[in-house]
PDB file of all heavy atoms in Angstrom:
ATOM      1  N   ASP A   1       3.191   4.787  25.469  1.00  0.00           N
ATOM      2  CA  ASP A   1       3.639   4.865  24.110  1.00  0.00           C
ATOM      3  C   ASP A   1       2.624   4.359  23.093  1.00  0.00           C
ATOM      4  O   ASP A   1       2.934   3.975  21.968  1.00  0.00           O
ATOM      5  CB  ASP A   1       4.935   4.025  23.910  1.00  0.00           C
ATOM      6  CG  ASP A   1       6.121   4.567  24.782  1.00  0.00           C
ATOM      7  OD1 ASP A   1       6.148   5.761  24.974  1.00  0.00           O
ATOM      8  OD2 ASP A   1       6.902   3.717  25.273  1.00  0.00           O
ATOM      9  N   VAL A   2       1.366   4.376  23.458  1.00  0.00           N
ATOM     10  CA  VAL A   2       0.326   3.919  22.574  1.00  0.00           C
ATOM     11  C   VAL A   2      -0.550   5.113  22.172  1.00  0.00           C
ATOM     12  O   VAL A   2      -0.570   6.084  22.967  1.00  0.00           O
ATOM     13  CB  VAL A   2      -0.496   2.750  23.112  1.00  0.00           C
ATOM     14  CG1 VAL A   2       0.376   1.582  23.517  1.00  0.00           C
ATOM     15  CG2 VAL A   2      -1.248   3.251  24.422  1.00  0.00           C
ATOM     16  N   PRO A   3      -1.322   5.061  21.054  1.00  0.00           N
ATOM     17  CA  PRO A   3      -2.156   6.147  20.657  1.00  0.00           C
ATOM     18  C   PRO A   3      -3.370   6.300  21.685  1.00  0.00           C
ATOM     19  O   PRO A   3      -3.591   5.478  22.496  1.00  0.00           O
ATOM     20  CB  PRO A   3      -2.717   5.725  19.335  1.00  0.00           C
ATOM     21  CG  PRO A   3      -2.508   4.343  19.245  1.00  0.00           C
ATOM     22  CD  PRO A   3      -1.305   3.969  20.003  1.00  0.00           C
ATOM     23  N   LEU A   4      -3.998   7.461  21.566  1.00  0.00           N
ATOM     24  CA  LEU A   4      -5.160   7.684  22.498  1.00  0.00           C
ATOM     25  C   LEU A   4      -6.340   6.901  22.179  1.00  0.00           C
ATOM     26  O   LEU A   4      -7.192   6.627  23.139  1.00  0.00           O
ATOM     27  CB  LEU A   4      -5.479   9.240  22.406  1.00  0.00           C
ATOM     28  CG  LEU A   4      -4.422  10.189  22.877  1.00  0.00           C
ATOM     29  CD1 LEU A   4      -4.851  11.618  22.702  1.00  0.00           C
ATOM     30  CD2 LEU A   4      -4.031   9.930  24.320  1.00  0.00           C
ATOM     31  N   GLU A   5      -6.581   6.551  20.928  1.00  0.00           N
ATOM     32  CA  GLU A   5      -7.732   5.749  20.509  1.00  0.00           C
ATOM     33  C   GLU A   5      -7.284   4.334  19.926  1.00  0.00           C
ATOM     34  O   GLU A   5      -6.187   4.260  19.394  1.00  0.00           O
ATOM     35  CB  GLU A   5      -8.582   6.472  19.417  1.00  0.00           C
ATOM     36  CG  GLU A   5      -9.081   7.787  19.901  1.00  0.00           C
ATOM     37  CD  GLU A   5     -10.205   7.624  20.856  1.00  0.00           C
ATOM     38  OE1 GLU A   5     -10.773   6.539  20.877  1.00  0.00           O
ATOM     39  OE2 GLU A   5     -10.382   8.625  21.635  1.00  0.00           O
ATOM     40  N   PRO A   6      -8.111   3.309  19.937  1.00  0.00           N
ATOM     41  CA  PRO A   6      -7.694   1.992  19.399  1.00  0.00           C
ATOM     42  C   PRO A   6      -7.477   2.122  17.879  1.00  0.00           C
ATOM     43  O   PRO A   6      -8.156   2.896  17.199  1.00  0.00           O
ATOM     44  CB  PRO A   6      -8.959   1.140  19.758  1.00  0.00           C
ATOM     45  CG  PRO A   6      -9.599   1.812  20.910  1.00  0.00           C
ATOM     46  CD  PRO A   6      -9.383   3.250  20.695  1.00  0.00           C
ATOM     47  N   VAL A   7      -6.517   1.331  17.397  1.00  0.00           N
ATOM     48  CA  VAL A   7      -6.228   1.310  15.965  1.00  0.00           C
ATOM     49  C   VAL A   7      -7.261   0.404  15.281  1.00  0.00           C
ATOM     50  O   VAL A   7      -7.687  -0.570  15.794  1.00  0.00           O
ATOM     51  CB  VAL A   7      -4.766   0.927  15.658  1.00  0.00           C
ATOM     52  CG1 VAL A   7      -3.763   1.868  16.312  1.00  0.00           C
ATOM     53  CG2 VAL A   7      -4.531  -0.490  16.202  1.00  0.00           C
ATOM     54  N   SER A   8      -7.451   0.766  13.944  1.00  0.00           N
ATOM     55  CA  SER A   8      -8.400  -0.064  13.184  1.00  0.00           C
ATOM     56  C   SER A   8      -7.571  -0.983  12.271  1.00  0.00           C
ATOM     57  O   SER A   8      -6.864  -0.457  11.360  1.00  0.00           O
ATOM     58  CB  SER A   8      -9.286   0.893  12.365  1.00  0.00           C
ATOM     59  OG  SER A   8     -10.046   0.121  11.372  1.00  0.00           O
ATOM     60  N   VAL A   9      -7.694  -2.248  12.474  1.00  0.00           N
ATOM     61  CA  VAL A   9      -7.013  -3.214  11.611  1.00  0.00           C
ATOM     62  C   VAL A   9      -7.423  -3.146  10.157  1.00  0.00           C
ATOM     63  O   VAL A   9      -6.631  -3.136   9.176  1.00  0.00           O
ATOM     64  CB  VAL A   9      -7.230  -4.668  12.154  1.00  0.00           C
ATOM     65  CG1 VAL A   9      -6.558  -5.659  11.211  1.00  0.00           C
ATOM     66  CG2 VAL A   9      -6.684  -4.807  13.537  1.00  0.00           C
ATOM     67  N   SER A  10      -8.737  -2.944   9.945  1.00  0.00           N
ATOM     68  CA  SER A  10      -9.270  -2.830   8.581  1.00  0.00           C
ATOM     69  C   SER A  10      -8.653  -1.608   7.801  1.00  0.00           C
ATOM     70  O   SER A  10      -8.320  -1.630   6.676  1.00  0.00           O
ATOM     71  CB  SER A  10     -10.782  -2.790   8.551  1.00  0.00           C
ATOM     72  OG  SER A  10     -11.242  -1.625   9.241  1.00  0.00           O
ATOM     73  N   GLU A  11      -8.506  -0.520   8.576  1.00  0.00           N
ATOM     74  CA  GLU A  11      -7.949   0.717   8.037  1.00  0.00           C
ATOM     75  C   GLU A  11      -6.440   0.462   7.714  1.00  0.00           C
ATOM     76  O   GLU A  11      -6.021   0.931   6.681  1.00  0.00           O
ATOM     77  CB  GLU A  11      -8.041   1.864   9.028  1.00  0.00           C
ATOM     78  CG  GLU A  11      -7.517   3.185   8.567  1.00  0.00           C
ATOM     79  CD  GLU A  11      -8.238   3.739   7.279  1.00  0.00           C
ATOM     80  OE1 GLU A  11      -9.453   3.447   7.127  1.00  0.00           O
ATOM     81  OE2 GLU A  11      -7.618   4.475   6.508  1.00  0.00           O
ATOM     82  N   LEU A  12      -5.770  -0.292   8.567  1.00  0.00           N
ATOM     83  CA  LEU A  12      -4.359  -0.583   8.323  1.00  0.00           C
ATOM     84  C   LEU A  12      -4.260  -1.477   7.019  1.00  0.00           C
ATOM     85  O   LEU A  12      -3.373  -1.257   6.213  1.00  0.00           O
ATOM     86  CB  LEU A  12      -3.694  -1.304   9.482  1.00  0.00           C
ATOM     87  CG  LEU A  12      -3.503  -0.470  10.755  1.00  0.00           C
ATOM     88  CD1 LEU A  12      -3.047  -1.352  11.928  1.00  0.00           C
ATOM     89  CD2 LEU A  12      -2.558   0.704  10.513  1.00  0.00           C
ATOM     90  N   ILE A  13      -5.152  -2.447   6.889  1.00  0.00           N
ATOM     91  CA  ILE A  13      -5.158  -3.337   5.716  1.00  0.00           C
ATOM     92  C   ILE A  13      -5.457  -2.578   4.443  1.00  0.00           C
ATOM     93  O   ILE A  13      -4.811  -2.729   3.416  1.00  0.00           O
ATOM     94  CB  ILE A  13      -6.155  -4.435   5.908  1.00  0.00           C
ATOM     95  CG1 ILE A  13      -5.605  -5.455   7.063  1.00  0.00           C
ATOM     96  CG2 ILE A  13      -6.346  -5.322   4.611  1.00  0.00           C
ATOM     97  CD1 ILE A  13      -6.655  -6.478   7.379  1.00  0.00           C
ATOM     98  N   LYS A  14      -6.330  -1.618   4.569  1.00  0.00           N
ATOM     99  CA  LYS A  14      -6.690  -0.731   3.455  1.00  0.00           C
ATOM    100  C   LYS A  14      -5.548   0.094   2.990  1.00  0.00           C
ATOM    101  O   LYS A  14      -5.235   0.189   1.773  1.00  0.00           O
ATOM    102  CB  LYS A  14      -7.904   0.144   3.851  1.00  0.00           C
ATOM    103  CG  LYS A  14      -8.316   1.126   2.720  1.00  0.00           C
ATOM    104  CD  LYS A  14      -9.366   2.046   3.159  1.00  0.00           C
ATOM    105  CE  LYS A  14      -9.801   2.982   2.011  1.00  0.00           C
ATOM    106  NZ  LYS A  14     -10.874   3.955   2.510  1.00  0.00           N
ATOM    107  N   GLN A  15      -4.777   0.623   3.981  1.00  0.00           N
ATOM    108  CA  GLN A  15      -3.614   1.404   3.697  1.00  0.00           C
ATOM    109  C   GLN A  15      -2.518   0.505   3.012  1.00  0.00           C
ATOM    110  O   GLN A  15      -1.886   0.902   2.049  1.00  0.00           O
ATOM    111  CB  GLN A  15      -2.998   2.025   4.907  1.00  0.00           C
ATOM    112  CG  GLN A  15      -3.861   3.166   5.566  1.00  0.00           C
ATOM    113  CD  GLN A  15      -3.325   3.671   6.788  1.00  0.00           C
ATOM    114  OE1 GLN A  15      -2.027   3.667   6.949  1.00  0.00           O
ATOM    115  NE2 GLN A  15      -4.081   4.176   7.757  1.00  0.00           N
ATOM    116  N   GLN A  16      -2.411  -0.743   3.523  1.00  0.00           N
ATOM    117  CA  GLN A  16      -1.500  -1.665   2.947  1.00  0.00           C
ATOM    118  C   GLN A  16      -1.875  -2.063   1.489  1.00  0.00           C
ATOM    119  O   GLN A  16      -0.980  -2.067   0.525  1.00  0.00           O
ATOM    120  CB  GLN A  16      -1.466  -3.020   3.779  1.00  0.00           C
ATOM    121  CG  GLN A  16      -0.484  -4.007   3.256  1.00  0.00           C
ATOM    122  CD  GLN A  16      -0.558  -5.375   3.945  1.00  0.00           C
ATOM    123  OE1 GLN A  16      -1.774  -5.730   4.245  1.00  0.00           O
ATOM    124  NE2 GLN A  16       0.468  -5.991   4.229  1.00  0.00           N
ATOM    125  N   GLN A  17      -3.119  -2.231   1.264  1.00  0.00           N
ATOM    126  CA  GLN A  17      -3.561  -2.507  -0.190  1.00  0.00           C
ATOM    127  C   GLN A  17      -3.383  -1.380  -1.118  1.00  0.00           C
ATOM    128  O   GLN A  17      -2.957  -1.573  -2.241  1.00  0.00           O
ATOM    129  CB  GLN A  17      -5.098  -2.864  -0.122  1.00  0.00           C
ATOM    130  CG  GLN A  17      -5.429  -4.168   0.515  1.00  0.00           C
ATOM    131  CD  GLN A  17      -4.801  -5.348  -0.143  1.00  0.00           C
ATOM    132  OE1 GLN A  17      -4.656  -5.381  -1.428  1.00  0.00           O
ATOM    133  NE2 GLN A  17      -4.411  -6.402   0.608  1.00  0.00           N
ATOM    134  N   GLU A  18      -3.507  -0.097  -0.649  1.00  0.00           N
ATOM    135  CA  GLU A  18      -3.267   1.025  -1.481  1.00  0.00           C
ATOM    136  C   GLU A  18      -1.781   1.101  -1.862  1.00  0.00           C
ATOM    137  O   GLU A  18      -1.433   1.419  -2.955  1.00  0.00           O
ATOM    138  CB  GLU A  18      -3.675   2.274  -0.734  1.00  0.00           C
ATOM    139  CG  GLU A  18      -5.179   2.453  -0.588  1.00  0.00           C
ATOM    140  CD  GLU A  18      -5.547   3.612   0.300  1.00  0.00           C
ATOM    141  OE1 GLU A  18      -4.669   4.239   0.912  1.00  0.00           O
ATOM    142  OE2 GLU A  18      -6.742   3.905   0.359  1.00  0.00           O
ATOM    143  N   ILE A  19      -0.842   0.796  -0.848  1.00  0.00           N
ATOM    144  CA  ILE A  19       0.552   0.796  -1.109  1.00  0.00           C
ATOM    145  C   ILE A  19       0.877  -0.282  -2.184  1.00  0.00           C
ATOM    146  O   ILE A  19       1.640  -0.065  -3.103  1.00  0.00           O
ATOM    147  CB  ILE A  19       1.314   0.637   0.153  1.00  0.00           C
ATOM    148  CG1 ILE A  19       1.237   1.901   1.001  1.00  0.00           C
ATOM    149  CG2 ILE A  19       2.838   0.304  -0.161  1.00  0.00           C
ATOM    150  CD1 ILE A  19       1.880   1.720   2.286  1.00  0.00           C
ATOM    151  N   LEU A  20       0.333  -1.501  -1.938  1.00  0.00           N
ATOM    152  CA  LEU A  20       0.586  -2.637  -2.871  1.00  0.00           C
ATOM    153  C   LEU A  20       0.086  -2.266  -4.269  1.00  0.00           C
ATOM    154  O   LEU A  20       0.766  -2.580  -5.259  1.00  0.00           O
ATOM    155  CB  LEU A  20      -0.087  -3.881  -2.338  1.00  0.00           C
ATOM    156  CG  LEU A  20       0.550  -4.487  -1.071  1.00  0.00           C
ATOM    157  CD1 LEU A  20      -0.284  -5.661  -0.634  1.00  0.00           C
ATOM    158  CD2 LEU A  20       1.949  -4.936  -1.366  1.00  0.00           C
ATOM    159  N   THR A  21      -1.065  -1.592  -4.341  1.00  0.00           N
ATOM    160  CA  THR A  21      -1.548  -1.173  -5.661  1.00  0.00           C
ATOM    161  C   THR A  21      -0.605  -0.207  -6.367  1.00  0.00           C
ATOM    162  O   THR A  21      -0.266  -0.340  -7.595  1.00  0.00           O
ATOM    163  CB  THR A  21      -2.951  -0.490  -5.559  1.00  0.00           C
ATOM    164  OG1 THR A  21      -3.832  -1.437  -4.944  1.00  0.00           O
ATOM    165  CG2 THR A  21      -3.512  -0.088  -6.853  1.00  0.00           C
ATOM    166  N   ARG A  22      -0.136   0.753  -5.581  1.00  0.00           N
ATOM    167  CA  ARG A  22       0.855   1.782  -6.174  1.00  0.00           C
ATOM    168  C   ARG A  22       2.088   1.075  -6.546  1.00  0.00           C
ATOM    169  O   ARG A  22       2.714   1.351  -7.594  1.00  0.00           O
ATOM    170  CB  ARG A  22       1.146   2.858  -5.106  1.00  0.00           C
ATOM    171  CG  ARG A  22      -0.097   3.805  -4.869  1.00  0.00           C
ATOM    172  CD  ARG A  22       0.385   5.075  -4.217  1.00  0.00           C
ATOM    173  NE  ARG A  22       0.850   4.844  -2.861  1.00  0.00           N
ATOM    174  CZ  ARG A  22       0.076   4.795  -1.768  1.00  0.00           C
ATOM    175  NH1 ARG A  22      -1.269   4.996  -1.914  1.00  0.00           N
ATOM    176  NH2 ARG A  22       0.624   4.599  -0.613  1.00  0.00           N
ATOM    177  N   ASN A  23       2.623   0.097  -5.743  1.00  0.00           N
ATOM    178  CA  ASN A  23       3.805  -0.674  -6.068  1.00  0.00           C
ATOM    179  C   ASN A  23       3.558  -1.511  -7.332  1.00  0.00           C
ATOM    180  O   ASN A  23       4.474  -1.654  -8.146  1.00  0.00           O
ATOM    181  CB  ASN A  23       4.241  -1.534  -4.925  1.00  0.00           C
ATOM    182  CG  ASN A  23       4.767  -0.804  -3.734  1.00  0.00           C
ATOM    183  OD1 ASN A  23       5.011   0.448  -3.878  1.00  0.00           O
ATOM    184  ND2 ASN A  23       4.964  -1.390  -2.587  1.00  0.00           N
ATOM    185  N   GLY A  24       2.316  -2.069  -7.514  1.00  0.00           N
ATOM    186  CA  GLY A  24       2.100  -2.877  -8.766  1.00  0.00           C
ATOM    187  C   GLY A  24       2.114  -1.959  -9.976  1.00  0.00           C
ATOM    188  O   GLY A  24       2.555  -2.371 -11.046  1.00  0.00           O
ATOM    189  N   GLU A  25       1.613  -0.782  -9.826  1.00  0.00           N
ATOM    190  CA  GLU A  25       1.646   0.205 -10.898  1.00  0.00           C
ATOM    191  C   GLU A  25       3.093   0.589 -11.301  1.00  0.00           C
ATOM    192  O   GLU A  25       3.480   0.697 -12.524  1.00  0.00           O
ATOM    193  CB  GLU A  25       0.804   1.471 -10.560  1.00  0.00           C
ATOM    194  CG  GLU A  25       0.822   2.560 -11.660  1.00  0.00           C
ATOM    195  CD  GLU A  25       0.093   2.080 -12.950  1.00  0.00           C
ATOM    196  OE1 GLU A  25      -0.643   1.137 -12.903  1.00  0.00           O
ATOM    197  OE2 GLU A  25       0.292   2.723 -13.972  1.00  0.00           O
ATOM    198  N   ASN A  26       3.891   0.714 -10.255  1.00  0.00           N
ATOM    199  CA  ASN A  26       5.369   0.947 -10.553  1.00  0.00           C
ATOM    200  C   ASN A  26       6.017  -0.236 -11.277  1.00  0.00           C
ATOM    201  O   ASN A  26       6.792  -0.016 -12.206  1.00  0.00           O
ATOM    202  CB  ASN A  26       6.052   1.196  -9.228  1.00  0.00           C
ATOM    203  CG  ASN A  26       5.680   2.498  -8.526  1.00  0.00           C
ATOM    204  OD1 ASN A  26       5.061   3.331  -9.142  1.00  0.00           O
ATOM    205  ND2 ASN A  26       6.015   2.709  -7.224  1.00  0.00           N
ATOM    206  N   GLN A  27       5.655  -1.383 -10.853  1.00  0.00           N
ATOM    207  CA  GLN A  27       6.153  -2.610 -11.514  1.00  0.00           C
ATOM    208  C   GLN A  27       5.785  -2.624 -13.003  1.00  0.00           C
ATOM    209  O   GLN A  27       6.563  -3.063 -13.891  1.00  0.00           O
ATOM    210  CB  GLN A  27       5.722  -3.870 -10.743  1.00  0.00           C
ATOM    211  CG  GLN A  27       6.398  -5.156 -11.196  1.00  0.00           C
ATOM    212  CD  GLN A  27       7.900  -5.109 -11.087  1.00  0.00           C
ATOM    213  OE1 GLN A  27       8.465  -4.491 -10.196  1.00  0.00           O
ATOM    214  NE2 GLN A  27       8.605  -5.670 -12.037  1.00  0.00           N
ATOM    215  N   ARG A  28       4.470  -2.276 -13.230  1.00  0.00           N
ATOM    216  CA  ARG A  28       3.979  -2.262 -14.628  1.00  0.00           C
ATOM    217  C   ARG A  28       4.790  -1.330 -15.459  1.00  0.00           C
ATOM    218  O   ARG A  28       5.195  -1.597 -16.633  1.00  0.00           O
ATOM    219  CB  ARG A  28       2.469  -1.917 -14.599  1.00  0.00           C
ATOM    220  CG  ARG A  28       1.825  -1.974 -16.027  1.00  0.00           C
ATOM    221  CD  ARG A  28       0.491  -1.415 -15.991  1.00  0.00           C
ATOM    222  NE  ARG A  28       0.541  -0.033 -15.693  1.00  0.00           N
ATOM    223  CZ  ARG A  28       0.856   0.909 -16.649  1.00  0.00           C
ATOM    224  NH1 ARG A  28       1.260   0.520 -17.860  1.00  0.00           N
ATOM    225  NH2 ARG A  28       0.937   2.202 -16.363  1.00  0.00           N
ATOM    226  N   LYS A  29       5.017  -0.133 -14.912  1.00  0.00           N
ATOM    227  CA  LYS A  29       5.847   0.847 -15.577  1.00  0.00           C
ATOM    228  C   LYS A  29       7.301   0.417 -15.867  1.00  0.00           C
ATOM    229  O   LYS A  29       7.839   0.711 -16.960  1.00  0.00           O
ATOM    230  CB  LYS A  29       5.835   2.161 -14.809  1.00  0.00           C
ATOM    231  CG  LYS A  29       4.395   2.807 -14.818  1.00  0.00           C
ATOM    232  CD  LYS A  29       4.481   4.098 -13.947  1.00  0.00           C
ATOM    233  CE  LYS A  29       3.064   4.796 -14.035  1.00  0.00           C
ATOM    234  NZ  LYS A  29       3.014   6.025 -13.177  1.00  0.00           N
ATOM    235  N   ARG A  30       7.818  -0.284 -14.855  1.00  0.00           N
ATOM    236  CA  ARG A  30       9.229  -0.836 -15.126  1.00  0.00           C
ATOM    237  C   ARG A  30       9.204  -1.799 -16.231  1.00  0.00           C
ATOM    238  O   ARG A  30      10.151  -1.900 -17.093  1.00  0.00           O
ATOM    239  CB  ARG A  30       9.754  -1.446 -13.816  1.00  0.00           C
ATOM    240  CG  ARG A  30       9.989  -0.498 -12.709  1.00  0.00           C
ATOM    241  CD  ARG A  30      10.716  -1.164 -11.514  1.00  0.00           C
ATOM    242  NE  ARG A  30      10.780  -0.354 -10.342  1.00  0.00           N
ATOM    243  CZ  ARG A  30       9.897  -0.329  -9.374  1.00  0.00           C
ATOM    244  NH1 ARG A  30       8.917  -1.245  -9.382  1.00  0.00           N
ATOM    245  NH2 ARG A  30      10.003   0.482  -8.338  1.00  0.00           N
ATOM    246  N   ALA A  31       8.160  -2.726 -16.267  1.00  0.00           N
ATOM    247  CA  ALA A  31       8.112  -3.735 -17.295  1.00  0.00           C
ATOM    248  C   ALA A  31       7.876  -3.073 -18.643  1.00  0.00           C
ATOM    249  O   ALA A  31       8.497  -3.534 -19.659  1.00  0.00           O
ATOM    250  CB  ALA A  31       6.940  -4.693 -16.964  1.00  0.00           C
ATOM    251  N   GLN A  32       7.139  -2.057 -18.697  1.00  0.00           N
ATOM    252  CA  GLN A  32       6.948  -1.289 -19.981  1.00  0.00           C
ATOM    253  C   GLN A  32       8.274  -0.651 -20.469  1.00  0.00           C
ATOM    254  O   GLN A  32       8.598  -0.710 -21.657  1.00  0.00           O
ATOM    255  CB  GLN A  32       5.949  -0.154 -19.756  1.00  0.00           C
ATOM    256  CG  GLN A  32       5.581   0.628 -20.985  1.00  0.00           C
ATOM    257  CD  GLN A  32       4.600   1.784 -20.663  1.00  0.00           C
ATOM    258  OE1 GLN A  32       4.638   2.304 -19.564  1.00  0.00           O
ATOM    259  NE2 GLN A  32       3.800   2.147 -21.683  1.00  0.00           N
ATOM    260  N   ALA A  33       9.099  -0.165 -19.459  1.00  0.00           N
ATOM    261  CA  ALA A  33      10.374   0.406 -19.833  1.00  0.00           C
ATOM    262  C   ALA A  33      11.266  -0.649 -20.490  1.00  0.00           C
ATOM    263  O   ALA A  33      11.977  -0.411 -21.485  1.00  0.00           O
ATOM    264  CB  ALA A  33      11.039   1.052 -18.655  1.00  0.00           C
ATOM    265  N   VAL A  34      11.296  -1.852 -19.813  1.00  0.00           N
ATOM    266  CA  VAL A  34      12.073  -2.972 -20.334  1.00  0.00           C
ATOM    267  C   VAL A  34      11.601  -3.414 -21.752  1.00  0.00           C
ATOM    268  O   VAL A  34      12.406  -3.620 -22.648  1.00  0.00           O
ATOM    269  CB  VAL A  34      11.966  -4.188 -19.386  1.00  0.00           C
ATOM    270  CG1 VAL A  34      12.600  -5.390 -20.029  1.00  0.00           C
ATOM    271  CG2 VAL A  34      12.692  -3.839 -18.029  1.00  0.00           C
ATOM    272  N   GLN A  35      10.250  -3.400 -21.907  1.00  0.00           N
ATOM    273  CA  GLN A  35       9.707  -3.799 -23.207  1.00  0.00           C
ATOM    274  C   GLN A  35      10.135  -2.802 -24.329  1.00  0.00           C
ATOM    275  O   GLN A  35      10.517  -3.176 -25.358  1.00  0.00           O
ATOM    276  CB  GLN A  35       8.220  -3.869 -23.107  1.00  0.00           C
ATOM    277  CG  GLN A  35       7.559  -4.346 -24.383  1.00  0.00           C
ATOM    278  CD  GLN A  35       5.985  -4.450 -24.228  1.00  0.00           C
ATOM    279  OE1 GLN A  35       5.477  -4.074 -23.250  1.00  0.00           O
ATOM    280  NE2 GLN A  35       5.383  -4.979 -25.232  1.00  0.00           N
TER     281      GLN A  35
END
């Protein structure tokens, strides 16, 4: 049940940071709507 090649932790962290960045943008837009 594991992939054929080893996973890259740095790539996983990069993907996490991209999601957090998009989530932060969403939060900014929500704050703008409240304002």
